[in-house]
């Protein structure tokens, strides 16, 4: 059910994308917007993991630099029936962890030093199991695409408001202003709904990765 719901929400994001394009430029604007949406999705598909890790200044670790963390992730991955993801460390005092990658074969998990210093080993294992559940459900791709499309909708709406059509072709300024203000909010609400739906599923499946076969 969550997969169907997520698919419907992603379709809603793309429909919103097309709607914004139509309001700003008619049929031509809608086609341009949908093309732009497809391009952003393809970009997110191939580059989401690198962008996310680079944005957090994550450093990859291995059995020599962080043996306990790598062994933990390997054990949890084996229990979950997943390929071993790359493991990253983020030098940040804020407790946080995330998974990224377009599929289980190209996945990575990252955790901050703040989280590792704050939690016990069992608690860290629980967090990692949760992130591996995201990888198993392919949530990493879904959430990245939804975030990218939501951001692109906001950019498109603001760009259209500032550089809309000329003369008689220019849309009603009230419509343009409403689109620039409301479209990003609608996109954010849909993105949050997708994220929350996938988080519930990861919470449910995470403990299974920690259970003995």
N, C-alpha and C. Protein backbone atom coordinates (compact mmCIF):
# COMPACT_ATOMS: atom_id res chain seq x y z
N UNK A 1 0.82 -1.21 0.00
CA UNK A 1 0.00 0.00 0.00
C UNK A 1 0.86 1.26 0.00
N UNK A 2 1.95 1.26 0.81
CA UNK A 2 2.83 2.43 0.84
C UNK A 2 3.47 2.68 -0.52
N UNK A 3 3.80 1.61 -1.26
CA UNK A 3 4.40 1.77 -2.58
C UNK A 3 3.43 2.45 -3.54
N UNK A 4 2.16 2.01 -3.50
CA UNK A 4 1.14 2.62 -4.34
C UNK A 4 0.94 4.08 -3.96
N UNK A 5 0.89 4.33 -2.66
CA UNK A 5 0.70 5.70 -2.19
C UNK A 5 1.86 6.59 -2.61
N UNK A 6 3.08 6.07 -2.49
CA UNK A 6 4.25 6.84 -2.89
C UNK A 6 4.23 7.13 -4.39
N UNK A 7 3.85 6.12 -5.19
CA UNK A 7 3.74 6.33 -6.63
C UNK A 7 2.73 7.41 -6.97
N UNK A 8 1.62 7.42 -6.25
CA UNK A 8 0.59 8.44 -6.50
C UNK A 8 1.10 9.83 -6.12
N UNK A 9 1.86 9.90 -5.03
CA UNK A 9 2.38 11.19 -4.61
C UNK A 9 3.43 11.71 -5.59
N UNK A 10 4.29 10.80 -6.10
CA UNK A 10 5.27 11.21 -7.11
C UNK A 10 4.56 11.67 -8.39
N UNK A 11 3.49 10.97 -8.76
CA UNK A 11 2.71 11.40 -9.92
C UNK A 11 2.10 12.78 -9.67
N UNK A 12 1.69 13.01 -8.41
CA UNK A 12 1.16 14.32 -8.06
C UNK A 12 2.20 15.42 -8.20
N UNK A 13 3.44 15.11 -7.85
CA UNK A 13 4.51 16.09 -8.01
C UNK A 13 4.72 16.44 -9.48
N UNK A 14 4.73 15.41 -10.34
CA UNK A 14 4.94 15.67 -11.76
C UNK A 14 3.74 16.42 -12.35
N UNK A 15 2.52 16.10 -11.88
CA UNK A 15 1.33 16.82 -12.35
C UNK A 15 1.41 18.28 -11.91
N UNK A 16 1.88 18.52 -10.70
CA UNK A 16 2.06 19.89 -10.23
C UNK A 16 3.10 20.61 -11.07
N UNK A 17 4.14 19.89 -11.44
CA UNK A 17 5.18 20.46 -12.29
C UNK A 17 4.56 20.92 -13.62
N UNK A 18 3.78 20.03 -14.25
CA UNK A 18 3.14 20.38 -15.50
C UNK A 18 2.14 21.51 -15.34
N UNK A 19 1.41 21.50 -14.20
CA UNK A 19 0.44 22.56 -13.95
C UNK A 19 1.08 23.93 -13.82
N UNK A 20 2.21 23.98 -13.12
CA UNK A 20 2.93 25.25 -12.99
C UNK A 20 3.37 25.73 -14.37
N UNK A 21 3.90 24.82 -15.17
CA UNK A 21 4.32 25.20 -16.52
C UNK A 21 3.16 25.71 -17.35
N UNK A 22 1.98 25.07 -17.21
CA UNK A 22 0.81 25.51 -17.98
C UNK A 22 0.35 26.89 -17.56
N UNK A 23 0.32 27.16 -16.25
CA UNK A 23 -0.09 28.47 -15.76
C UNK A 23 0.86 29.58 -16.21
N UNK A 24 2.12 29.24 -16.33
CA UNK A 24 3.12 30.25 -16.70
C UNK A 24 3.31 30.39 -18.20
N UNK A 25 3.01 29.33 -18.96
CA UNK A 25 3.28 29.43 -20.40
C UNK A 25 2.35 28.63 -21.27
N UNK A 26 1.16 28.27 -20.78
CA UNK A 26 0.21 27.53 -21.60
C UNK A 26 0.70 26.13 -21.93
N UNK A 27 0.23 25.61 -23.07
CA UNK A 27 0.61 24.26 -23.46
C UNK A 27 2.09 24.10 -23.68
N UNK A 28 2.70 25.10 -24.30
CA UNK A 28 4.15 25.04 -24.52
C UNK A 28 4.90 25.04 -23.20
N UNK A 29 4.46 25.89 -22.28
CA UNK A 29 5.09 25.95 -20.96
C UNK A 29 4.97 24.63 -20.22
N UNK A 30 3.82 23.96 -20.37
CA UNK A 30 3.64 22.67 -19.71
C UNK A 30 4.61 21.63 -20.25
N UNK A 31 4.78 21.60 -21.58
CA UNK A 31 5.69 20.63 -22.18
C UNK A 31 7.13 20.91 -21.77
N UNK A 32 7.49 22.19 -21.72
CA UNK A 32 8.84 22.55 -21.29
C UNK A 32 9.06 22.14 -19.83
N UNK A 33 8.04 22.40 -19.00
CA UNK A 33 8.15 22.06 -17.57
C UNK A 33 8.29 20.55 -17.38
N UNK A 34 7.49 19.77 -18.12
CA UNK A 34 7.58 18.31 -17.98
C UNK A 34 8.93 17.79 -18.48
N UNK A 35 9.44 18.42 -19.55
CA UNK A 35 10.78 18.04 -20.02
C UNK A 35 11.85 18.37 -19.00
N UNK A 36 11.70 19.53 -18.36
CA UNK A 36 12.63 19.92 -17.32
C UNK A 36 12.54 18.97 -16.13
N UNK A 37 11.29 18.56 -15.80
CA UNK A 37 11.11 17.61 -14.72
C UNK A 37 11.76 16.27 -15.01
N UNK A 38 11.64 15.80 -16.25
CA UNK A 38 12.27 14.54 -16.63
C UNK A 38 13.79 14.65 -16.53
N UNK A 39 14.33 15.80 -16.96
CA UNK A 39 15.79 16.00 -16.90
C UNK A 39 16.27 16.01 -15.46
N UNK A 40 15.53 16.66 -14.56
CA UNK A 40 15.94 16.70 -13.16
C UNK A 40 15.87 15.31 -12.54
N UNK A 41 14.87 14.52 -12.93
CA UNK A 41 14.77 13.15 -12.41
C UNK A 41 15.96 12.30 -12.86
N UNK A 42 16.33 12.43 -14.13
CA UNK A 42 17.48 11.66 -14.63
C UNK A 42 18.76 12.09 -13.94
N UNK A 43 18.91 13.39 -13.73
CA UNK A 43 20.10 13.88 -13.03
C UNK A 43 20.14 13.34 -11.60
N UNK A 44 18.99 13.39 -10.91
CA UNK A 44 18.93 12.88 -9.53
C UNK A 44 19.22 11.38 -9.50
N UNK A 45 18.73 10.65 -10.50
CA UNK A 45 18.93 9.19 -10.53
C UNK A 45 20.41 8.83 -10.56
N UNK A 46 21.17 9.52 -11.39
CA UNK A 46 22.57 9.16 -11.57
C UNK A 46 23.52 9.82 -10.56
N UNK A 47 23.13 10.95 -9.97
CA UNK A 47 24.08 11.71 -9.17
C UNK A 47 23.66 11.94 -7.72
N UNK A 48 22.53 11.38 -7.31
CA UNK A 48 22.02 11.68 -5.97
C UNK A 48 22.99 11.30 -4.86
N UNK A 49 23.63 10.14 -4.97
CA UNK A 49 24.51 9.70 -3.89
C UNK A 49 25.73 10.61 -3.77
N UNK A 50 26.35 10.94 -4.90
CA UNK A 50 27.54 11.79 -4.86
C UNK A 50 27.22 13.19 -4.33
N UNK A 51 26.08 13.72 -4.75
CA UNK A 51 25.71 15.07 -4.31
C UNK A 51 25.42 15.09 -2.81
N UNK A 52 24.68 14.09 -2.33
CA UNK A 52 24.33 14.05 -0.91
C UNK A 52 25.57 13.91 -0.03
N UNK A 53 26.47 13.03 -0.42
CA UNK A 53 27.68 12.80 0.38
C UNK A 53 28.62 14.01 0.32
N UNK A 54 28.73 14.62 -0.85
CA UNK A 54 29.59 15.80 -0.98
C UNK A 54 29.04 16.96 -0.18
N UNK A 55 27.71 17.11 -0.16
CA UNK A 55 27.09 18.21 0.58
C UNK A 55 27.37 18.13 2.07
N UNK A 56 27.53 16.91 2.58
CA UNK A 56 27.79 16.72 4.01
C UNK A 56 29.27 16.50 4.31
N UNK A 57 30.13 16.62 3.30
CA UNK A 57 31.57 16.42 3.46
C UNK A 57 31.87 15.05 4.07
N UNK A 58 31.16 14.05 3.57
CA UNK A 58 31.33 12.69 4.09
C UNK A 58 32.62 12.07 3.59
N UNK A 59 33.25 11.29 4.46
CA UNK A 59 34.51 10.62 4.14
C UNK A 59 34.28 9.12 4.21
N UNK A 60 34.65 8.40 3.15
CA UNK A 60 34.46 6.95 3.14
C UNK A 60 35.45 6.28 4.08
N UNK A 61 34.96 5.29 4.83
CA UNK A 61 35.80 4.53 5.76
C UNK A 61 35.78 3.06 5.36
N UNK A 62 36.79 2.32 5.84
CA UNK A 62 36.88 0.90 5.52
C UNK A 62 37.27 0.12 6.77
N UNK A 63 37.64 -1.13 6.58
CA UNK A 63 37.98 -1.99 7.71
C UNK A 63 39.23 -1.53 8.44
N UNK A 64 40.06 -0.74 7.81
CA UNK A 64 41.27 -0.25 8.46
C UNK A 64 41.02 1.03 9.24
N UNK A 65 40.16 1.90 8.73
CA UNK A 65 39.94 3.19 9.39
C UNK A 65 38.78 3.17 10.38
N UNK A 66 37.78 2.30 10.17
CA UNK A 66 36.65 2.20 11.10
C UNK A 66 36.12 0.77 11.10
N UNK A 67 36.93 -0.18 11.61
CA UNK A 67 36.57 -1.59 11.51
C UNK A 67 35.25 -1.94 12.19
N UNK A 68 34.97 -1.37 13.35
CA UNK A 68 33.74 -1.74 14.06
C UNK A 68 32.50 -1.32 13.28
N UNK A 69 32.52 -0.11 12.72
CA UNK A 69 31.37 0.38 11.96
C UNK A 69 31.16 -0.46 10.69
N UNK A 70 32.25 -0.73 10.00
CA UNK A 70 32.14 -1.48 8.75
C UNK A 70 31.65 -2.90 9.01
N UNK A 71 32.16 -3.55 10.05
CA UNK A 71 31.73 -4.90 10.37
C UNK A 71 30.25 -4.92 10.77
N UNK A 72 29.81 -3.90 11.49
CA UNK A 72 28.40 -3.81 11.88
C UNK A 72 27.51 -3.71 10.66
N UNK A 73 27.87 -2.82 9.74
CA UNK A 73 27.06 -2.63 8.53
C UNK A 73 27.08 -3.90 7.67
N UNK A 74 28.23 -4.56 7.60
CA UNK A 74 28.31 -5.80 6.81
C UNK A 74 27.40 -6.87 7.41
N UNK A 75 27.41 -7.01 8.71
CA UNK A 75 26.57 -8.01 9.37
C UNK A 75 25.09 -7.71 9.16
N UNK A 76 24.70 -6.45 9.34
CA UNK A 76 23.30 -6.06 9.16
C UNK A 76 22.87 -6.23 7.71
N UNK A 77 23.77 -5.91 6.77
CA UNK A 77 23.45 -6.07 5.35
C UNK A 77 23.23 -7.53 5.01
N UNK A 78 24.08 -8.39 5.56
CA UNK A 78 23.94 -9.83 5.32
C UNK A 78 22.60 -10.34 5.85
N UNK A 79 22.23 -9.90 7.04
CA UNK A 79 20.96 -10.33 7.63
C UNK A 79 19.77 -9.83 6.81
N UNK A 80 19.93 -8.65 6.21
CA UNK A 80 18.84 -8.08 5.42
C UNK A 80 18.83 -8.58 3.99
N UNK A 81 19.84 -9.38 3.61
CA UNK A 81 19.93 -9.88 2.25
C UNK A 81 20.29 -8.80 1.24
N UNK A 82 21.14 -7.87 1.66
CA UNK A 82 21.54 -6.75 0.81
C UNK A 82 23.02 -6.80 0.49
N UNK A 83 23.43 -6.25 -0.66
CA UNK A 83 24.86 -6.09 -0.92
C UNK A 83 25.46 -5.12 0.10
N UNK A 84 26.73 -5.26 0.36
CA UNK A 84 27.40 -4.38 1.31
C UNK A 84 27.46 -2.95 0.75
N UNK A 85 26.84 -1.98 1.42
CA UNK A 85 26.93 -0.59 0.93
C UNK A 85 28.26 0.04 1.34
N UNK A 86 28.61 1.13 0.71
CA UNK A 86 29.75 1.92 1.14
C UNK A 86 29.40 2.60 2.46
N UNK A 87 30.40 2.78 3.32
CA UNK A 87 30.18 3.36 4.64
C UNK A 87 30.93 4.68 4.73
N UNK A 88 30.25 5.71 5.21
CA UNK A 88 30.84 7.04 5.28
C UNK A 88 30.70 7.61 6.69
N UNK A 89 31.64 8.48 7.02
CA UNK A 89 31.64 9.18 8.31
C UNK A 89 31.60 10.68 8.04
N UNK A 90 30.77 11.38 8.82
CA UNK A 90 30.63 12.83 8.69
C UNK A 90 31.08 13.47 9.99
N UNK A 91 32.04 14.35 9.91
CA UNK A 91 32.55 15.03 11.10
C UNK A 91 31.62 16.18 11.46
N UNK A 92 30.61 15.87 12.26
CA UNK A 92 29.60 16.84 12.65
C UNK A 92 29.04 16.45 14.01
N UNK A 93 28.91 17.41 14.90
CA UNK A 93 28.44 17.12 16.25
C UNK A 93 26.96 16.80 16.31
N UNK A 94 26.20 17.18 15.28
CA UNK A 94 24.77 16.90 15.27
C UNK A 94 24.52 15.41 15.00
N UNK A 95 23.68 14.75 15.81
CA UNK A 95 23.40 13.33 15.56
C UNK A 95 22.54 13.15 14.33
N UNK A 96 23.05 12.43 13.36
CA UNK A 96 22.30 12.23 12.11
C UNK A 96 22.87 11.03 11.36
N UNK A 97 22.04 10.43 10.55
CA UNK A 97 22.48 9.32 9.68
C UNK A 97 21.54 9.28 8.50
N UNK A 98 22.03 8.82 7.37
CA UNK A 98 21.17 8.69 6.19
C UNK A 98 21.75 7.65 5.25
N UNK A 99 20.90 7.17 4.36
CA UNK A 99 21.30 6.26 3.30
C UNK A 99 21.06 6.97 1.97
N UNK A 100 21.83 6.61 0.97
CA UNK A 100 21.67 7.21 -0.34
C UNK A 100 22.09 6.21 -1.40
N UNK A 101 21.77 6.50 -2.66
CA UNK A 101 22.09 5.60 -3.75
C UNK A 101 20.86 5.24 -4.56
N UNK A 102 21.05 5.00 -5.86
CA UNK A 102 19.91 4.75 -6.74
C UNK A 102 19.35 3.34 -6.62
N UNK A 103 20.13 2.40 -6.09
CA UNK A 103 19.65 1.03 -5.90
C UNK A 103 20.56 0.33 -4.90
N UNK A 104 20.18 -0.87 -4.43
CA UNK A 104 21.00 -1.56 -3.42
C UNK A 104 22.43 -1.84 -3.85
N UNK A 105 22.67 -1.96 -5.15
CA UNK A 105 24.03 -2.22 -5.63
C UNK A 105 24.90 -0.97 -5.67
N UNK A 106 24.28 0.19 -5.56
CA UNK A 106 25.02 1.46 -5.59
C UNK A 106 24.61 2.32 -4.41
N UNK A 107 24.64 1.73 -3.23
CA UNK A 107 24.14 2.41 -2.03
C UNK A 107 25.28 2.77 -1.08
N UNK A 108 24.97 3.70 -0.20
CA UNK A 108 25.92 4.11 0.83
C UNK A 108 25.14 4.50 2.08
N UNK A 109 25.75 4.29 3.24
CA UNK A 109 25.18 4.75 4.50
C UNK A 109 26.20 5.67 5.16
N UNK A 110 25.70 6.71 5.80
CA UNK A 110 26.58 7.68 6.45
C UNK A 110 26.04 8.02 7.83
N UNK A 111 26.95 8.28 8.75
CA UNK A 111 26.57 8.69 10.10
C UNK A 111 27.53 9.77 10.57
N UNK A 112 27.02 10.65 11.41
CA UNK A 112 27.86 11.72 11.94
C UNK A 112 28.61 11.25 13.18
N UNK A 113 29.71 11.93 13.46
CA UNK A 113 30.45 11.62 14.68
C UNK A 113 29.59 11.91 15.91
N UNK A 114 28.71 12.90 15.82
CA UNK A 114 27.82 13.21 16.94
C UNK A 114 26.92 12.05 17.27
N UNK A 115 26.37 11.39 16.26
CA UNK A 115 25.49 10.24 16.51
C UNK A 115 26.28 9.08 17.09
N UNK A 116 27.47 8.80 16.55
CA UNK A 116 28.27 7.68 17.03
C UNK A 116 28.74 7.88 18.46
N UNK A 117 29.00 9.13 18.84
CA UNK A 117 29.45 9.41 20.20
C UNK A 117 28.30 9.41 21.21
N UNK A 118 27.10 9.65 20.72
CA UNK A 118 25.96 9.80 21.63
C UNK A 118 25.28 8.46 21.95
N UNK A 119 25.26 7.54 20.98
CA UNK A 119 24.49 6.31 21.13
C UNK A 119 25.36 5.12 21.50
N UNK A 120 24.72 4.12 22.10
CA UNK A 120 25.40 2.86 22.39
C UNK A 120 25.52 2.05 21.11
N UNK A 121 26.27 0.96 21.18
CA UNK A 121 26.46 0.13 19.99
C UNK A 121 25.13 -0.43 19.49
N UNK A 122 24.27 -0.90 20.41
CA UNK A 122 22.98 -1.45 20.00
C UNK A 122 22.11 -0.37 19.37
N UNK A 123 22.16 0.83 19.91
CA UNK A 123 21.36 1.92 19.35
C UNK A 123 21.86 2.30 17.96
N UNK A 124 23.17 2.30 17.78
CA UNK A 124 23.73 2.59 16.44
C UNK A 124 23.31 1.51 15.45
N UNK A 125 23.32 0.26 15.91
CA UNK A 125 22.89 -0.84 15.04
C UNK A 125 21.42 -0.65 14.63
N UNK A 126 20.61 -0.17 15.55
CA UNK A 126 19.21 0.10 15.22
C UNK A 126 19.07 1.18 14.17
N UNK A 127 19.88 2.23 14.29
CA UNK A 127 19.84 3.31 13.30
C UNK A 127 20.30 2.78 11.93
N UNK A 128 21.38 2.01 11.92
CA UNK A 128 21.88 1.48 10.66
C UNK A 128 20.88 0.51 10.02
N UNK A 129 20.19 -0.28 10.84
CA UNK A 129 19.18 -1.20 10.32
C UNK A 129 18.04 -0.41 9.67
N UNK A 130 17.68 0.71 10.28
CA UNK A 130 16.65 1.59 9.71
C UNK A 130 17.09 2.12 8.34
N UNK A 131 18.34 2.57 8.25
CA UNK A 131 18.84 3.11 6.98
C UNK A 131 18.94 2.01 5.92
N UNK A 132 19.33 0.81 6.32
CA UNK A 132 19.38 -0.30 5.37
C UNK A 132 17.99 -0.68 4.87
N UNK A 133 16.98 -0.51 5.73
CA UNK A 133 15.60 -0.75 5.28
C UNK A 133 15.22 0.23 4.18
N UNK A 134 15.69 1.47 4.29
CA UNK A 134 15.45 2.44 3.22
C UNK A 134 16.07 1.96 1.91
N UNK A 135 17.29 1.40 2.01
CA UNK A 135 17.97 0.89 0.81
C UNK A 135 17.20 -0.29 0.22
N UNK A 136 16.75 -1.18 1.07
CA UNK A 136 16.03 -2.35 0.60
C UNK A 136 14.73 -1.96 -0.09
N UNK A 137 14.05 -0.93 0.43
CA UNK A 137 12.79 -0.47 -0.15
C UNK A 137 13.00 0.50 -1.31
N UNK A 138 14.27 0.80 -1.61
CA UNK A 138 14.61 1.79 -2.65
C UNK A 138 14.05 3.17 -2.32
N UNK A 139 13.92 3.45 -1.04
CA UNK A 139 13.44 4.77 -0.62
C UNK A 139 14.45 5.86 -0.93
N UNK A 140 15.73 5.50 -0.95
CA UNK A 140 16.76 6.51 -1.17
C UNK A 140 16.56 7.20 -2.52
N UNK A 141 16.19 6.43 -3.53
CA UNK A 141 15.95 7.01 -4.84
C UNK A 141 14.64 7.81 -4.84
N UNK A 142 13.60 7.23 -4.27
CA UNK A 142 12.29 7.89 -4.26
C UNK A 142 12.36 9.24 -3.56
N UNK A 143 13.00 9.27 -2.39
CA UNK A 143 13.03 10.51 -1.62
C UNK A 143 13.94 11.55 -2.28
N UNK A 144 15.01 11.08 -2.91
CA UNK A 144 15.89 12.02 -3.61
C UNK A 144 15.18 12.64 -4.80
N UNK A 145 14.48 11.81 -5.57
CA UNK A 145 13.75 12.32 -6.73
C UNK A 145 12.66 13.30 -6.28
N UNK A 146 11.94 12.96 -5.22
CA UNK A 146 10.88 13.85 -4.75
C UNK A 146 11.45 15.18 -4.29
N UNK A 147 12.59 15.15 -3.59
CA UNK A 147 13.21 16.39 -3.14
C UNK A 147 13.71 17.21 -4.32
N UNK A 148 14.28 16.53 -5.32
CA UNK A 148 14.78 17.25 -6.50
C UNK A 148 13.64 17.90 -7.28
N UNK A 149 12.55 17.15 -7.48
CA UNK A 149 11.41 17.69 -8.22
C UNK A 149 10.77 18.84 -7.45
N UNK A 150 10.64 18.69 -6.12
CA UNK A 150 10.07 19.76 -5.31
C UNK A 150 10.90 21.03 -5.42
N UNK A 151 12.22 20.88 -5.37
CA UNK A 151 13.10 22.03 -5.52
C UNK A 151 13.00 22.64 -6.91
N UNK A 152 12.88 21.79 -7.93
CA UNK A 152 12.76 22.29 -9.30
C UNK A 152 11.45 23.03 -9.51
N UNK A 153 10.37 22.56 -8.86
CA UNK A 153 9.09 23.26 -8.96
C UNK A 153 9.20 24.66 -8.37
N UNK A 154 9.84 24.77 -7.21
CA UNK A 154 10.03 26.08 -6.59
C UNK A 154 10.83 27.00 -7.50
N UNK A 155 11.90 26.47 -8.10
CA UNK A 155 12.73 27.27 -9.00
C UNK A 155 11.95 27.70 -10.23
N UNK A 156 11.19 26.76 -10.81
CA UNK A 156 10.40 27.06 -11.99
C UNK A 156 9.37 28.15 -11.71
N UNK A 157 8.68 28.04 -10.56
CA UNK A 157 7.66 29.03 -10.23
C UNK A 157 8.27 30.41 -10.04
N UNK A 158 9.39 30.48 -9.35
CA UNK A 158 10.04 31.77 -9.14
C UNK A 158 10.60 32.33 -10.44
N UNK A 159 11.16 31.47 -11.28
CA UNK A 159 11.70 31.92 -12.57
C UNK A 159 10.58 32.45 -13.46
N UNK A 160 9.44 31.74 -13.46
CA UNK A 160 8.31 32.18 -14.26
C UNK A 160 7.76 33.50 -13.79
N UNK A 161 7.76 33.72 -12.48
CA UNK A 161 7.26 34.99 -11.95
C UNK A 161 8.16 36.14 -12.36
N UNK A 162 9.46 35.90 -12.36
CA UNK A 162 10.40 36.98 -12.68
C UNK A 162 10.57 37.19 -14.18
N UNK A 163 10.49 36.10 -14.96
CA UNK A 163 10.79 36.19 -16.39
C UNK A 163 9.68 35.59 -17.23
N UNK A 164 8.43 35.87 -16.87
CA UNK A 164 7.28 35.35 -17.60
C UNK A 164 7.20 35.92 -19.00
N UNK A 165 6.17 35.53 -19.72
CA UNK A 165 6.01 35.96 -21.11
C UNK A 165 5.96 37.46 -21.26
N UNK A 166 6.07 37.94 -22.45
CA UNK A 166 6.12 39.36 -22.73
C UNK A 166 4.79 39.84 -23.31
N UNK A 167 4.49 41.11 -23.04
CA UNK A 167 3.33 41.74 -23.63
C UNK A 167 2.05 40.98 -23.36
N UNK A 168 1.27 40.73 -24.44
CA UNK A 168 -0.02 40.05 -24.30
C UNK A 168 0.15 38.60 -23.88
N UNK A 169 1.34 38.05 -24.09
CA UNK A 169 1.56 36.66 -23.74
C UNK A 169 1.83 36.47 -22.26
N UNK A 170 2.08 37.56 -21.56
CA UNK A 170 2.43 37.45 -20.15
C UNK A 170 1.20 37.06 -19.34
N UNK A 171 1.27 36.02 -18.52
CA UNK A 171 0.11 35.59 -17.73
C UNK A 171 -0.33 36.67 -16.75
N UNK A 172 -1.53 36.50 -16.25
CA UNK A 172 -2.07 37.41 -15.23
C UNK A 172 -1.08 37.48 -14.06
N UNK A 173 -0.65 38.68 -13.67
CA UNK A 173 0.35 38.78 -12.59
C UNK A 173 -0.13 38.21 -11.27
N UNK A 174 -1.44 38.26 -11.03
CA UNK A 174 -1.97 37.68 -9.78
C UNK A 174 -1.81 36.16 -9.81
N UNK A 175 -2.09 35.57 -10.99
CA UNK A 175 -1.92 34.12 -11.13
C UNK A 175 -0.45 33.74 -10.97
N UNK A 176 0.42 34.56 -11.56
CA UNK A 176 1.85 34.28 -11.46
C UNK A 176 2.34 34.38 -10.02
N UNK A 177 1.86 35.40 -9.31
CA UNK A 177 2.27 35.56 -7.91
C UNK A 177 1.76 34.40 -7.06
N UNK A 178 0.50 34.03 -7.27
CA UNK A 178 -0.07 32.90 -6.51
C UNK A 178 0.69 31.62 -6.81
N UNK A 179 1.04 31.42 -8.08
CA UNK A 179 1.80 30.22 -8.46
C UNK A 179 3.17 30.20 -7.81
N UNK A 180 3.86 31.36 -7.83
CA UNK A 180 5.19 31.45 -7.24
C UNK A 180 5.17 31.19 -5.75
N UNK A 181 4.06 31.57 -5.08
CA UNK A 181 3.98 31.40 -3.63
C UNK A 181 3.45 30.02 -3.23
N UNK A 182 2.42 29.54 -3.95
CA UNK A 182 1.74 28.33 -3.51
C UNK A 182 2.34 27.04 -4.07
N UNK A 183 2.89 27.09 -5.28
CA UNK A 183 3.44 25.86 -5.88
C UNK A 183 4.57 25.25 -5.03
N UNK A 184 5.54 26.06 -4.55
CA UNK A 184 6.59 25.46 -3.70
C UNK A 184 6.03 24.87 -2.41
N UNK A 185 4.99 25.50 -1.84
CA UNK A 185 4.38 24.97 -0.61
C UNK A 185 3.71 23.63 -0.89
N UNK A 186 2.97 23.56 -2.00
CA UNK A 186 2.32 22.30 -2.37
C UNK A 186 3.35 21.21 -2.61
N UNK A 187 4.44 21.56 -3.31
CA UNK A 187 5.50 20.58 -3.58
C UNK A 187 6.13 20.10 -2.28
N UNK A 188 6.34 21.01 -1.34
CA UNK A 188 6.94 20.63 -0.06
C UNK A 188 6.03 19.70 0.72
N UNK A 189 4.72 19.96 0.70
CA UNK A 189 3.77 19.10 1.41
C UNK A 189 3.78 17.69 0.82
N UNK A 190 3.79 17.59 -0.52
CA UNK A 190 3.82 16.27 -1.15
C UNK A 190 5.13 15.56 -0.83
N UNK A 191 6.24 16.29 -0.87
CA UNK A 191 7.55 15.69 -0.55
C UNK A 191 7.56 15.16 0.88
N UNK A 192 7.02 15.94 1.82
CA UNK A 192 6.97 15.51 3.22
C UNK A 192 6.09 14.28 3.38
N UNK A 193 5.00 14.21 2.63
CA UNK A 193 4.11 13.05 2.71
C UNK A 193 4.84 11.80 2.21
N UNK A 194 5.60 11.94 1.12
CA UNK A 194 6.38 10.80 0.61
C UNK A 194 7.41 10.36 1.64
N UNK A 195 8.13 11.33 2.21
CA UNK A 195 9.18 11.01 3.19
C UNK A 195 8.60 10.31 4.40
N UNK A 196 7.47 10.83 4.93
CA UNK A 196 6.88 10.22 6.12
C UNK A 196 6.40 8.81 5.84
N UNK A 197 5.81 8.59 4.66
CA UNK A 197 5.33 7.26 4.29
C UNK A 197 6.48 6.25 4.28
N UNK A 198 7.63 6.64 3.71
CA UNK A 198 8.76 5.74 3.63
C UNK A 198 9.43 5.53 4.99
N UNK A 199 9.39 6.56 5.85
CA UNK A 199 9.96 6.42 7.18
C UNK A 199 9.20 5.38 8.00
N UNK A 200 7.89 5.37 7.90
CA UNK A 200 7.09 4.39 8.63
C UNK A 200 7.44 2.97 8.18
N UNK A 201 7.61 2.80 6.88
CA UNK A 201 7.96 1.47 6.37
C UNK A 201 9.34 1.04 6.86
N UNK A 202 10.30 1.99 6.89
CA UNK A 202 11.65 1.65 7.37
C UNK A 202 11.63 1.32 8.86
N UNK A 203 10.79 2.02 9.62
CA UNK A 203 10.67 1.70 11.05
C UNK A 203 10.14 0.30 11.25
N UNK A 204 9.24 -0.12 10.38
CA UNK A 204 8.65 -1.45 10.51
C UNK A 204 9.63 -2.54 10.10
N UNK A 205 10.42 -2.29 9.04
CA UNK A 205 11.31 -3.33 8.52
C UNK A 205 12.68 -3.33 9.15
N UNK A 206 13.12 -2.21 9.74
CA UNK A 206 14.46 -2.13 10.32
C UNK A 206 14.76 -3.22 11.32
N UNK A 207 13.88 -3.50 12.29
CA UNK A 207 14.19 -4.53 13.29
C UNK A 207 14.42 -5.91 12.69
N UNK A 208 13.85 -6.18 11.51
CA UNK A 208 14.06 -7.49 10.90
C UNK A 208 15.52 -7.70 10.52
N UNK A 209 16.22 -6.60 10.19
CA UNK A 209 17.63 -6.73 9.80
C UNK A 209 18.48 -7.10 11.00
N UNK A 210 18.01 -6.80 12.20
CA UNK A 210 18.80 -7.08 13.40
C UNK A 210 18.49 -8.46 13.97
N UNK A 211 17.39 -9.06 13.53
CA UNK A 211 17.04 -10.37 14.05
C UNK A 211 17.93 -11.45 13.46
N UNK A 212 18.23 -12.43 14.23
CA UNK A 212 19.07 -13.52 13.75
C UNK A 212 18.31 -14.34 12.72
N UNK A 213 18.99 -14.82 11.65
CA UNK A 213 18.31 -15.63 10.62
C UNK A 213 17.74 -16.89 11.25
